[in-house]
Amino acid sequence: MILLITYDLKVVRDYTPFYEALKSQGQWWHYITSTWLLDTLKTPDDILAAVRPHLSPQDFLFITEIGIRYQGLLPQEAWVWINMRLNAQTINPFLPFVPPNSLQQGK
């Protein structure tokens, strides 16, 4: 599954341990400031448990699974990364593969 992780870090400090904990949870892509995509078998609860020790009580964090409906304005390589992983997870053989080069502004 692909998880979307977004946050608002409120305290001025070194968050390197937080970023490293995120990176260690699966394959990731970091397109937008304060937002990561994570391809992992772990649940949002698992990710929260792994990164929470590296956050301050004042920080905000939101983790959710990306479903079949999504849209946005991202670079082509972002759509390739997303579509390759979501299509690889598709169990229904009747859902067509949409070639990444046919996506201009999303799916």
PDB file of N, CA and C in Angstrom:
ATOM      1  N   MET A   1       0.842  -1.173   0.000  1.00  0.00           N
ATOM      2  CA  MET A   1       0.000   0.000   0.000  1.00  0.00           C
ATOM      3  C   MET A   1       0.886   1.235   0.000  1.00  0.00           C
ATOM      4  N   ILE A   2       0.323   2.304  -0.490  1.00  0.00           N
ATOM      5  CA  ILE A   2       1.034   3.576  -0.436  1.00  0.00           C
ATOM      6  C   ILE A   2       0.364   4.431   0.625  1.00  0.00           C
ATOM      7  N   LEU A   3       1.184   4.920   1.531  1.00  0.00           N
ATOM      8  CA  LEU A   3       0.700   5.813   2.582  1.00  0.00           C
ATOM      9  C   LEU A   3       1.130   7.232   2.266  1.00  0.00           C
ATOM     10  N   LEU A   4       0.260   8.170   2.531  1.00  0.00           N
ATOM     11  CA  LEU A   4       0.580   9.579   2.461  1.00  0.00           C
ATOM     12  C   LEU A   4       0.835  10.042   3.878  1.00  0.00           C
ATOM     13  N   ILE A   5       1.974  10.672   4.080  1.00  0.00           N
ATOM     14  CA  ILE A   5       2.350  11.161   5.408  1.00  0.00           C
ATOM     15  C   ILE A   5       2.598  12.658   5.280  1.00  0.00           C
ATOM     16  N   THR A   6       1.888  13.411   6.066  1.00  0.00           N
ATOM     17  CA  THR A   6       2.064  14.854   6.040  1.00  0.00           C
ATOM     18  C   THR A   6       2.173  15.359   7.478  1.00  0.00           C
ATOM     19  N   TYR A   7       2.898  16.428   7.656  1.00  0.00           N
ATOM     20  CA  TYR A   7       3.166  16.888   9.012  1.00  0.00           C
ATOM     21  C   TYR A   7       3.409  18.383   9.056  1.00  0.00           C
ATOM     22  N   ASP A   8       3.315  18.922  10.255  1.00  0.00           N
ATOM     23  CA  ASP A   8       3.649  20.305  10.549  1.00  0.00           C
ATOM     24  C   ASP A   8       4.524  20.262  11.797  1.00  0.00           C
ATOM     25  N   LEU A   9       5.816  20.453  11.594  1.00  0.00           N
ATOM     26  CA  LEU A   9       6.778  20.372  12.698  1.00  0.00           C
ATOM     27  C   LEU A   9       6.903  21.750  13.336  1.00  0.00           C
ATOM     28  N   LYS A  10       6.482  21.857  14.575  1.00  0.00           N
ATOM     29  CA  LYS A  10       6.324  23.147  15.255  1.00  0.00           C
ATOM     30  C   LYS A  10       7.560  23.617  16.010  1.00  0.00           C
ATOM     31  N   VAL A  11       8.430  22.688  16.393  1.00  0.00           N
ATOM     32  CA  VAL A  11       9.571  23.021  17.241  1.00  0.00           C
ATOM     33  C   VAL A  11      10.827  23.145  16.378  1.00  0.00           C
ATOM     34  N   VAL A  12      11.627  24.148  16.646  1.00  0.00           N
ATOM     35  CA  VAL A  12      12.889  24.300  15.930  1.00  0.00           C
ATOM     36  C   VAL A  12      13.900  23.362  16.577  1.00  0.00           C
ATOM     37  N   ARG A  13      14.273  22.303  15.842  1.00  0.00           N
ATOM     38  CA  ARG A  13      15.227  21.317  16.335  1.00  0.00           C
ATOM     39  C   ARG A  13      15.692  20.459  15.165  1.00  0.00           C
ATOM     40  N   ASP A  14      16.603  19.566  15.413  1.00  0.00           N
ATOM     41  CA  ASP A  14      17.099  18.656  14.381  1.00  0.00           C
ATOM     42  C   ASP A  14      16.121  17.483  14.249  1.00  0.00           C
ATOM     43  N   TYR A  15      15.438  17.407  13.120  1.00  0.00           N
ATOM     44  CA  TYR A  15      14.470  16.341  12.869  1.00  0.00           C
ATOM     45  C   TYR A  15      15.064  15.202  12.035  1.00  0.00           C
ATOM     46  N   THR A  16      16.369  15.159  11.902  1.00  0.00           N
ATOM     47  CA  THR A  16      17.006  14.086  11.128  1.00  0.00           C
ATOM     48  C   THR A  16      16.571  12.698  11.592  1.00  0.00           C
ATOM     49  N   PRO A  17      16.504  12.405  12.890  1.00  0.00           N
ATOM     50  CA  PRO A  17      16.039  11.075  13.314  1.00  0.00           C
ATOM     51  C   PRO A  17      14.609  10.762  12.841  1.00  0.00           C
ATOM     52  N   PHE A  18      13.752  11.761  12.799  1.00  0.00           N
ATOM     53  CA  PHE A  18      12.387  11.582  12.288  1.00  0.00           C
ATOM     54  C   PHE A  18      12.418  11.201  10.808  1.00  0.00           C
ATOM     55  N   TYR A  19      13.186  11.949  10.008  1.00  0.00           N
ATOM     56  CA  TYR A  19      13.276  11.663   8.573  1.00  0.00           C
ATOM     57  C   TYR A  19      13.879  10.286   8.321  1.00  0.00           C
ATOM     58  N   GLU A  20      14.891   9.923   9.071  1.00  0.00           N
ATOM     59  CA  GLU A  20      15.519   8.611   8.902  1.00  0.00           C
ATOM     60  C   GLU A  20      14.548   7.490   9.299  1.00  0.00           C
ATOM     61  N   ALA A  21      13.754   7.720  10.338  1.00  0.00           N
ATOM     62  CA  ALA A  21      12.754   6.724  10.737  1.00  0.00           C
ATOM     63  C   ALA A  21      11.706   6.549   9.642  1.00  0.00           C
ATOM     64  N   LEU A  22      11.291   7.649   9.009  1.00  0.00           N
ATOM     65  CA  LEU A  22      10.356   7.558   7.886  1.00  0.00           C
ATOM     66  C   LEU A  22      10.960   6.752   6.737  1.00  0.00           C
ATOM     67  N   LYS A  23      12.178   7.081   6.372  1.00  0.00           N
ATOM     68  CA  LYS A  23      12.844   6.414   5.249  1.00  0.00           C
ATOM     69  C   LYS A  23      12.999   4.913   5.477  1.00  0.00           C
ATOM     70  N   SER A  24      13.142   4.509   6.706  1.00  0.00           N
ATOM     71  CA  SER A  24      13.392   3.097   7.003  1.00  0.00           C
ATOM     72  C   SER A  24      12.113   2.247   6.993  1.00  0.00           C
ATOM     73  N   GLN A  25      10.961   2.861   6.769  1.00  0.00           N
ATOM     74  CA  GLN A  25       9.692   2.135   6.824  1.00  0.00           C
ATOM     75  C   GLN A  25       9.270   1.511   5.498  1.00  0.00           C
ATOM     76  N   GLY A  26       9.981   1.797   4.425  1.00  0.00           N
ATOM     77  CA  GLY A  26       9.638   1.251   3.113  1.00  0.00           C
ATOM     78  C   GLY A  26      10.260   2.095   2.026  1.00  0.00           C
ATOM     79  N   GLN A  27       9.801   1.891   0.808  1.00  0.00           N
ATOM     80  CA  GLN A  27      10.271   2.725  -0.299  1.00  0.00           C
ATOM     81  C   GLN A  27       9.513   4.042  -0.241  1.00  0.00           C
ATOM     82  N   TRP A  28      10.217   5.129  -0.437  1.00  0.00           N
ATOM     83  CA  TRP A  28       9.593   6.437  -0.242  1.00  0.00           C
ATOM     84  C   TRP A  28       9.918   7.371  -1.397  1.00  0.00           C
ATOM     85  N   TRP A  29       9.067   8.407  -1.492  1.00  0.00           N
ATOM     86  CA  TRP A  29       9.303   9.510  -2.420  1.00  0.00           C
ATOM     87  C   TRP A  29       8.830  10.758  -1.709  1.00  0.00           C
ATOM     88  N   HIS A  30       9.613  11.812  -1.830  1.00  0.00           N
ATOM     89  CA  HIS A  30       9.354  13.051  -1.090  1.00  0.00           C
ATOM     90  C   HIS A  30       9.255  14.192  -2.098  1.00  0.00           C
ATOM     91  N   TYR A  31       8.028  14.451  -2.585  1.00  0.00           N
ATOM     92  CA  TYR A  31       7.797  15.449  -3.625  1.00  0.00           C
ATOM     93  C   TYR A  31       7.554  16.840  -3.087  1.00  0.00           C
ATOM     94  N   ILE A  32       6.796  16.907  -2.018  1.00  0.00           N
ATOM     95  CA  ILE A  32       6.276  18.172  -1.530  1.00  0.00           C
ATOM     96  C   ILE A  32       6.763  18.387  -0.096  1.00  0.00           C
ATOM     97  N   THR A  33       7.146  19.598   0.207  1.00  0.00           N
ATOM     98  CA  THR A  33       7.599  19.914   1.555  1.00  0.00           C
ATOM     99  C   THR A  33       6.580  19.422   2.577  1.00  0.00           C
ATOM    100  N   SER A  34       7.055  18.746   3.587  1.00  0.00           N
ATOM    101  CA  SER A  34       6.239  18.231   4.697  1.00  0.00           C
ATOM    102  C   SER A  34       5.271  17.128   4.289  1.00  0.00           C
ATOM    103  N   THR A  35       5.492  16.506   3.131  1.00  0.00           N
ATOM    104  CA  THR A  35       4.632  15.424   2.666  1.00  0.00           C
ATOM    105  C   THR A  35       5.499  14.335   2.042  1.00  0.00           C
ATOM    106  N   TRP A  36       5.244  13.098   2.430  1.00  0.00           N
ATOM    107  CA  TRP A  36       5.974  11.948   1.895  1.00  0.00           C
ATOM    108  C   TRP A  36       4.977  10.910   1.402  1.00  0.00           C
ATOM    109  N   LEU A  37       5.390  10.131   0.413  1.00  0.00           N
ATOM    110  CA  LEU A  37       4.671   8.936   0.001  1.00  0.00           C
ATOM    111  C   LEU A  37       5.529   7.750   0.398  1.00  0.00           C
ATOM    112  N   LEU A  38       4.911   6.749   0.973  1.00  0.00           N
ATOM    113  CA  LEU A  38       5.643   5.594   1.482  1.00  0.00           C
ATOM    114  C   LEU A  38       4.983   4.319   0.969  1.00  0.00           C
ATOM    115  N   ASP A  39       5.731   3.517   0.221  1.00  0.00           N
ATOM    116  CA  ASP A  39       5.250   2.221  -0.254  1.00  0.00           C
ATOM    117  C   ASP A  39       5.709   1.191   0.763  1.00  0.00           C
ATOM    118  N   THR A  40       4.746   0.592   1.469  1.00  0.00           N
ATOM    119  CA  THR A  40       5.079  -0.272   2.593  1.00  0.00           C
ATOM    120  C   THR A  40       3.957  -1.269   2.858  1.00  0.00           C
ATOM    121  N   LEU A  41       4.276  -2.316   3.568  1.00  0.00           N
ATOM    122  CA  LEU A  41       3.265  -3.252   4.047  1.00  0.00           C
ATOM    123  C   LEU A  41       2.809  -2.885   5.457  1.00  0.00           C
ATOM    124  N   LYS A  42       3.442  -1.867   6.025  1.00  0.00           N
ATOM    125  CA  LYS A  42       3.122  -1.437   7.382  1.00  0.00           C
ATOM    126  C   LYS A  42       1.854  -0.586   7.389  1.00  0.00           C
ATOM    127  N   THR A  43       1.174  -0.605   8.514  1.00  0.00           N
ATOM    128  CA  THR A  43      -0.048   0.173   8.669  1.00  0.00           C
ATOM    129  C   THR A  43       0.284   1.591   9.129  1.00  0.00           C
ATOM    130  N   PRO A  44      -0.687   2.499   9.029  1.00  0.00           N
ATOM    131  CA  PRO A  44      -0.465   3.824   9.605  1.00  0.00           C
ATOM    132  C   PRO A  44      -0.107   3.761  11.096  1.00  0.00           C
ATOM    133  N   ASP A  45      -0.690   2.829  11.834  1.00  0.00           N
ATOM    134  CA  ASP A  45      -0.344   2.669  13.249  1.00  0.00           C
ATOM    135  C   ASP A  45       1.126   2.285  13.422  1.00  0.00           C
ATOM    136  N   ASP A  46       1.618   1.380  12.569  1.00  0.00           N
ATOM    137  CA  ASP A  46       3.023   0.967  12.630  1.00  0.00           C
ATOM    138  C   ASP A  46       3.953   2.153  12.371  1.00  0.00           C
ATOM    139  N   ILE A  47       3.608   2.953  11.369  1.00  0.00           N
ATOM    140  CA  ILE A  47       4.444   4.108  11.017  1.00  0.00           C
ATOM    141  C   ILE A  47       4.443   5.116  12.161  1.00  0.00           C
ATOM    142  N   LEU A  48       3.269   5.380  12.711  1.00  0.00           N
ATOM    143  CA  LEU A  48       3.192   6.312  13.840  1.00  0.00           C
ATOM    144  C   LEU A  48       4.064   5.837  15.000  1.00  0.00           C
ATOM    145  N   ALA A  49       3.995   4.565  15.314  1.00  0.00           N
ATOM    146  CA  ALA A  49       4.814   4.025  16.412  1.00  0.00           C
ATOM    147  C   ALA A  49       6.302   4.197  16.137  1.00  0.00           C
ATOM    148  N   ALA A  50       6.707   4.079  14.874  1.00  0.00           N
ATOM    149  CA  ALA A  50       8.125   4.183  14.523  1.00  0.00           C
ATOM    150  C   ALA A  50       8.644   5.621  14.569  1.00  0.00           C
ATOM    151  N   VAL A  51       7.800   6.590  14.209  1.00  0.00           N
ATOM    152  CA  VAL A  51       8.289   7.971  14.116  1.00  0.00           C
ATOM    153  C   VAL A  51       7.939   8.836  15.323  1.00  0.00           C
ATOM    154  N   ARG A  52       6.955   8.435  16.068  1.00  0.00           N
ATOM    155  CA  ARG A  52       6.495   9.256  17.202  1.00  0.00           C
ATOM    156  C   ARG A  52       7.597   9.618  18.191  1.00  0.00           C
ATOM    157  N   PRO A  53       8.520   8.708  18.504  1.00  0.00           N
ATOM    158  CA  PRO A  53       9.577   9.090  19.452  1.00  0.00           C
ATOM    159  C   PRO A  53      10.462  10.238  18.961  1.00  0.00           C
ATOM    160  N   HIS A  54      10.403  10.537  17.673  1.00  0.00           N
ATOM    161  CA  HIS A  54      11.263  11.571  17.094  1.00  0.00           C
ATOM    162  C   HIS A  54      10.527  12.893  16.887  1.00  0.00           C
ATOM    163  N   LEU A  55       9.316  12.980  17.396  1.00  0.00           N
ATOM    164  CA  LEU A  55       8.521  14.200  17.271  1.00  0.00           C
ATOM    165  C   LEU A  55       8.327  14.857  18.627  1.00  0.00           C
ATOM    166  N   SER A  56       8.047  16.140  18.594  1.00  0.00           N
ATOM    167  CA  SER A  56       7.721  16.885  19.809  1.00  0.00           C
ATOM    168  C   SER A  56       6.220  16.820  20.048  1.00  0.00           C
ATOM    169  N   PRO A  57       5.773  16.970  21.270  1.00  0.00           N
ATOM    170  CA  PRO A  57       4.328  16.946  21.550  1.00  0.00           C
ATOM    171  C   PRO A  57       3.552  18.037  20.795  1.00  0.00           C
ATOM    172  N   GLN A  58       4.221  19.101  20.400  1.00  0.00           N
ATOM    173  CA  GLN A  58       3.563  20.197  19.683  1.00  0.00           C
ATOM    174  C   GLN A  58       3.424  19.922  18.176  1.00  0.00           C
ATOM    175  N   ASP A  59       4.128  18.923  17.655  1.00  0.00           N
ATOM    176  CA  ASP A  59       4.107  18.617  16.227  1.00  0.00           C
ATOM    177  C   ASP A  59       2.793  17.954  15.825  1.00  0.00           C
ATOM    178  N   PHE A  60       2.422  18.155  14.561  1.00  0.00           N
ATOM    179  CA  PHE A  60       1.241  17.505  13.989  1.00  0.00           C
ATOM    180  C   PHE A  60       1.687  16.505  12.933  1.00  0.00           C
ATOM    181  N   LEU A  61       0.944  15.395  12.820  1.00  0.00           N
ATOM    182  CA  LEU A  61       1.273  14.342  11.859  1.00  0.00           C
ATOM    183  C   LEU A  61      -0.024  13.685  11.411  1.00  0.00           C
ATOM    184  N   PHE A  62      -0.138  13.414  10.107  1.00  0.00           N
ATOM    185  CA  PHE A  62      -1.308  12.720   9.567  1.00  0.00           C
ATOM    186  C   PHE A  62      -0.826  11.647   8.593  1.00  0.00           C
ATOM    187  N   ILE A  63      -1.319  10.423   8.757  1.00  0.00           N
ATOM    188  CA  ILE A  63      -0.933   9.293   7.919  1.00  0.00           C
ATOM    189  C   ILE A  63      -2.208   8.643   7.397  1.00  0.00           C
ATOM    190  N   THR A  64      -2.280   8.448   6.084  1.00  0.00           N
ATOM    191  CA  THR A  64      -3.449   7.803   5.501  1.00  0.00           C
ATOM    192  C   THR A  64      -3.044   6.981   4.287  1.00  0.00           C
ATOM    193  N   GLU A  65      -3.854   5.982   3.965  1.00  0.00           N
ATOM    194  CA  GLU A  65      -3.603   5.150   2.796  1.00  0.00           C
ATOM    195  C   GLU A  65      -4.171   5.831   1.556  1.00  0.00           C
ATOM    196  N   ILE A  66      -3.412   5.798   0.460  1.00  0.00           N
ATOM    197  CA  ILE A  66      -3.899   6.324  -0.807  1.00  0.00           C
ATOM    198  C   ILE A  66      -4.796   5.272  -1.442  1.00  0.00           C
ATOM    199  N   GLY A  67      -5.986   5.688  -1.826  1.00  0.00           N
ATOM    200  CA  GLY A  67      -6.941   4.778  -2.446  1.00  0.00           C
ATOM    201  C   GLY A  67      -6.885   4.847  -3.959  1.00  0.00           C
ATOM    202  N   ILE A  68      -7.969   4.437  -4.585  1.00  0.00           N
ATOM    203  CA  ILE A  68      -7.982   4.374  -6.042  1.00  0.00           C
ATOM    204  C   ILE A  68      -8.302   5.712  -6.686  1.00  0.00           C
ATOM    205  N   ARG A  69      -8.763   6.658  -5.925  1.00  0.00           N
ATOM    206  CA  ARG A  69      -9.067   7.985  -6.467  1.00  0.00           C
ATOM    207  C   ARG A  69      -8.066   8.982  -5.917  1.00  0.00           C
ATOM    208  N   TYR A  70      -7.337   9.574  -6.814  1.00  0.00           N
ATOM    209  CA  TYR A  70      -6.372  10.596  -6.422  1.00  0.00           C
ATOM    210  C   TYR A  70      -6.148  11.503  -7.610  1.00  0.00           C
ATOM    211  N   GLN A  71      -5.662  12.687  -7.339  1.00  0.00           N
ATOM    212  CA  GLN A  71      -5.451  13.680  -8.382  1.00  0.00           C
ATOM    213  C   GLN A  71      -4.471  14.706  -7.866  1.00  0.00           C
ATOM    214  N   GLY A  72      -3.819  15.393  -8.754  1.00  0.00           N
ATOM    215  CA  GLY A  72      -2.911  16.438  -8.333  1.00  0.00           C
ATOM    216  C   GLY A  72      -2.087  16.967  -9.471  1.00  0.00           C
ATOM    217  N   LEU A  73      -1.180  17.857  -9.146  1.00  0.00           N
ATOM    218  CA  LEU A  73      -0.237  18.434 -10.088  1.00  0.00           C
ATOM    219  C   LEU A  73       1.157  18.089  -9.586  1.00  0.00           C
ATOM    220  N   LEU A  74       1.743  17.059 -10.174  1.00  0.00           N
ATOM    221  CA  LEU A  74       3.054  16.574  -9.765  1.00  0.00           C
ATOM    222  C   LEU A  74       3.908  16.353 -11.009  1.00  0.00           C
ATOM    223  N   PRO A  75       5.227  16.262 -10.839  1.00  0.00           N
ATOM    224  CA  PRO A  75       6.087  15.931 -11.974  1.00  0.00           C
ATOM    225  C   PRO A  75       5.760  14.530 -12.508  1.00  0.00           C
ATOM    226  N   GLN A  76       6.036  14.304 -13.779  1.00  0.00           N
ATOM    227  CA  GLN A  76       5.749  13.016 -14.411  1.00  0.00           C
ATOM    228  C   GLN A  76       6.365  11.855 -13.638  1.00  0.00           C
ATOM    229  N   GLU A  77       7.587  12.014 -13.137  1.00  0.00           N
ATOM    230  CA  GLU A  77       8.223  10.911 -12.406  1.00  0.00           C
ATOM    231  C   GLU A  77       7.479  10.565 -11.123  1.00  0.00           C
ATOM    232  N   ALA A  78       6.757  11.527 -10.560  1.00  0.00           N
ATOM    233  CA  ALA A  78       5.935  11.240  -9.378  1.00  0.00           C
ATOM    234  C   ALA A  78       4.783  10.320  -9.757  1.00  0.00           C
ATOM    235  N   TRP A  79       4.112  10.596 -10.874  1.00  0.00           N
ATOM    236  CA  TRP A  79       3.005   9.753 -11.319  1.00  0.00           C
ATOM    237  C   TRP A  79       3.487   8.363 -11.701  1.00  0.00           C
ATOM    238  N   VAL A  80       4.655   8.277 -12.292  1.00  0.00           N
ATOM    239  CA  VAL A  80       5.223   6.968 -12.613  1.00  0.00           C
ATOM    240  C   VAL A  80       5.422   6.168 -11.336  1.00  0.00           C
ATOM    241  N   TRP A  81       6.026   6.778 -10.329  1.00  0.00           N
ATOM    242  CA  TRP A  81       6.278   6.109  -9.044  1.00  0.00           C
ATOM    243  C   TRP A  81       4.966   5.640  -8.419  1.00  0.00           C
ATOM    244  N   ILE A  82       3.976   6.516  -8.367  1.00  0.00           N
ATOM    245  CA  ILE A  82       2.690   6.178  -7.750  1.00  0.00           C
ATOM    246  C   ILE A  82       1.980   5.073  -8.533  1.00  0.00           C
ATOM    247  N   ASN A  83       1.840   5.275  -9.844  1.00  0.00           N
ATOM    248  CA  ASN A  83       1.080   4.322 -10.658  1.00  0.00           C
ATOM    249  C   ASN A  83       1.727   2.946 -10.714  1.00  0.00           C
ATOM    250  N   MET A  84       3.046   2.888 -10.782  1.00  0.00           N
ATOM    251  CA  MET A  84       3.712   1.591 -10.798  1.00  0.00           C
ATOM    252  C   MET A  84       3.386   0.807  -9.531  1.00  0.00           C
ATOM    253  N   ARG A  85       3.412   1.466  -8.399  1.00  0.00           N
ATOM    254  CA  ARG A  85       3.173   0.775  -7.136  1.00  0.00           C
ATOM    255  C   ARG A  85       1.694   0.442  -6.936  1.00  0.00           C
ATOM    256  N   LEU A  86       0.813   1.359  -7.256  1.00  0.00           N
ATOM    257  CA  LEU A  86      -0.606   1.067  -7.104  1.00  0.00           C
ATOM    258  C   LEU A  86      -1.057  -0.014  -8.080  1.00  0.00           C
ATOM    259  N   ASN A  87      -0.566   0.018  -9.302  1.00  0.00           N
ATOM    260  CA  ASN A  87      -0.937  -1.009 -10.276  1.00  0.00           C
ATOM    261  C   ASN A  87      -0.366  -2.366  -9.893  1.00  0.00           C
ATOM    262  N   ALA A  88       0.797  -2.401  -9.279  1.00  0.00           N
ATOM    263  CA  ALA A  88       1.390  -3.665  -8.843  1.00  0.00           C
ATOM    264  C   ALA A  88       0.569  -4.286  -7.722  1.00  0.00           C
ATOM    265  N   GLN A  89      -0.163  -3.473  -6.971  1.00  0.00           N
ATOM    266  CA  GLN A  89      -0.962  -3.964  -5.854  1.00  0.00           C
ATOM    267  C   GLN A  89      -2.378  -4.351  -6.269  1.00  0.00           C
ATOM    268  N   THR A  90      -2.766  -4.007  -7.496  1.00  0.00           N
ATOM    269  CA  THR A  90      -4.121  -4.269  -7.953  1.00  0.00           C
ATOM    270  C   THR A  90      -4.345  -5.763  -8.106  1.00  0.00           C
ATOM    271  N   ILE A  91      -5.367  -6.254  -7.460  1.00  0.00           N
ATOM    272  CA  ILE A  91      -5.711  -7.667  -7.536  1.00  0.00           C
ATOM    273  C   ILE A  91      -6.709  -7.907  -8.667  1.00  0.00           C
ATOM    274  N   ASN A  92      -7.552  -6.941  -8.959  1.00  0.00           N
ATOM    275  CA  ASN A  92      -8.585  -7.077  -9.970  1.00  0.00           C
ATOM    276  C   ASN A  92      -7.971  -7.002 -11.372  1.00  0.00           C
ATOM    277  N   PRO A  93      -7.951  -8.103 -12.146  1.00  0.00           N
ATOM    278  CA  PRO A  93      -7.333  -8.088 -13.471  1.00  0.00           C
ATOM    279  C   PRO A  93      -8.138  -7.295 -14.490  1.00  0.00           C
ATOM    280  N   PHE A  94      -9.352  -6.877 -14.157  1.00  0.00           N
ATOM    281  CA  PHE A  94     -10.180  -6.134 -15.087  1.00  0.00           C
ATOM    282  C   PHE A  94      -9.927  -4.630 -15.032  1.00  0.00           C
ATOM    283  N   LEU A  95      -9.137  -4.193 -14.048  1.00  0.00           N
ATOM    284  CA  LEU A  95      -8.778  -2.787 -13.992  1.00  0.00           C
ATOM    285  C   LEU A  95      -7.604  -2.552 -14.928  1.00  0.00           C
ATOM    286  N   PRO A  96      -7.722  -1.640 -15.870  1.00  0.00           N
ATOM    287  CA  PRO A  96      -6.655  -1.445 -16.855  1.00  0.00           C
ATOM    288  C   PRO A  96      -5.459  -0.712 -16.270  1.00  0.00           C
ATOM    289  N   PHE A  97      -4.307  -1.016 -16.828  1.00  0.00           N
ATOM    290  CA  PHE A  97      -3.092  -0.278 -16.486  1.00  0.00           C
ATOM    291  C   PHE A  97      -3.077   0.995 -17.313  1.00  0.00           C
ATOM    292  N   VAL A  98      -2.888   2.131 -16.671  1.00  0.00           N
ATOM    293  CA  VAL A  98      -2.798   3.399 -17.376  1.00  0.00           C
ATOM    294  C   VAL A  98      -1.326   3.740 -17.518  1.00  0.00           C
ATOM    295  N   PRO A  99      -0.798   3.741 -18.759  1.00  0.00           N
ATOM    296  CA  PRO A  99       0.619   4.051 -18.936  1.00  0.00           C
ATOM    297  C   PRO A  99       0.948   5.421 -18.359  1.00  0.00           C
ATOM    298  N   PRO A 100       2.042   5.519 -17.604  1.00  0.00           N
ATOM    299  CA  PRO A 100       2.393   6.795 -16.958  1.00  0.00           C
ATOM    300  C   PRO A 100       2.520   7.957 -17.928  1.00  0.00           C
ATOM    301  N   ASN A 101       2.995   7.708 -19.178  1.00  0.00           N
ATOM    302  CA  ASN A 101       3.171   8.829 -20.098  1.00  0.00           C
ATOM    303  C   ASN A 101       1.849   9.388 -20.597  1.00  0.00           C
ATOM    304  N   SER A 102       0.740   8.712 -20.325  1.00  0.00           N
ATOM    305  CA  SER A 102      -0.560   9.232 -20.717  1.00  0.00           C
ATOM    306  C   SER A 102      -1.163  10.117 -19.638  1.00  0.00           C
ATOM    307  N   LEU A 103      -0.476  10.249 -18.517  1.00  0.00           N
ATOM    308  CA  LEU A 103      -0.986  11.037 -17.397  1.00  0.00           C
ATOM    309  C   LEU A 103      -0.318  12.405 -17.399  1.00  0.00           C
ATOM    310  N   GLN A 104      -1.072  13.402 -17.667  1.00  0.00           N
ATOM    311  CA  GLN A 104      -0.507  14.754 -17.668  1.00  0.00           C
ATOM    312  C   GLN A 104      -0.644  15.419 -16.301  1.00  0.00           C
ATOM    313  N   GLN A 105      -1.808  15.270 -15.687  1.00  0.00           N
ATOM    314  CA  GLN A 105      -2.032  15.922 -14.402  1.00  0.00           C
ATOM    315  C   GLN A 105      -2.600  14.959 -13.389  1.00  0.00           C
ATOM    316  N   GLY A 106      -2.384  13.694 -13.572  1.00  0.00           N
ATOM    317  CA  GLY A 106      -2.858  12.742 -12.587  1.00  0.00           C
ATOM    318  C   GLY A 106      -3.638  11.634 -13.209  1.00  0.00           C
ATOM    319  N   LYS A 107      -4.316  10.912 -12.374  1.00  0.00           N
ATOM    320  CA  LYS A 107      -5.061   9.732 -12.805  1.00  0.00           C
ATOM    321  C   LYS A 107      -6.529  10.046 -12.911  1.00  0.00           C
TER     322      LYS A 107
END
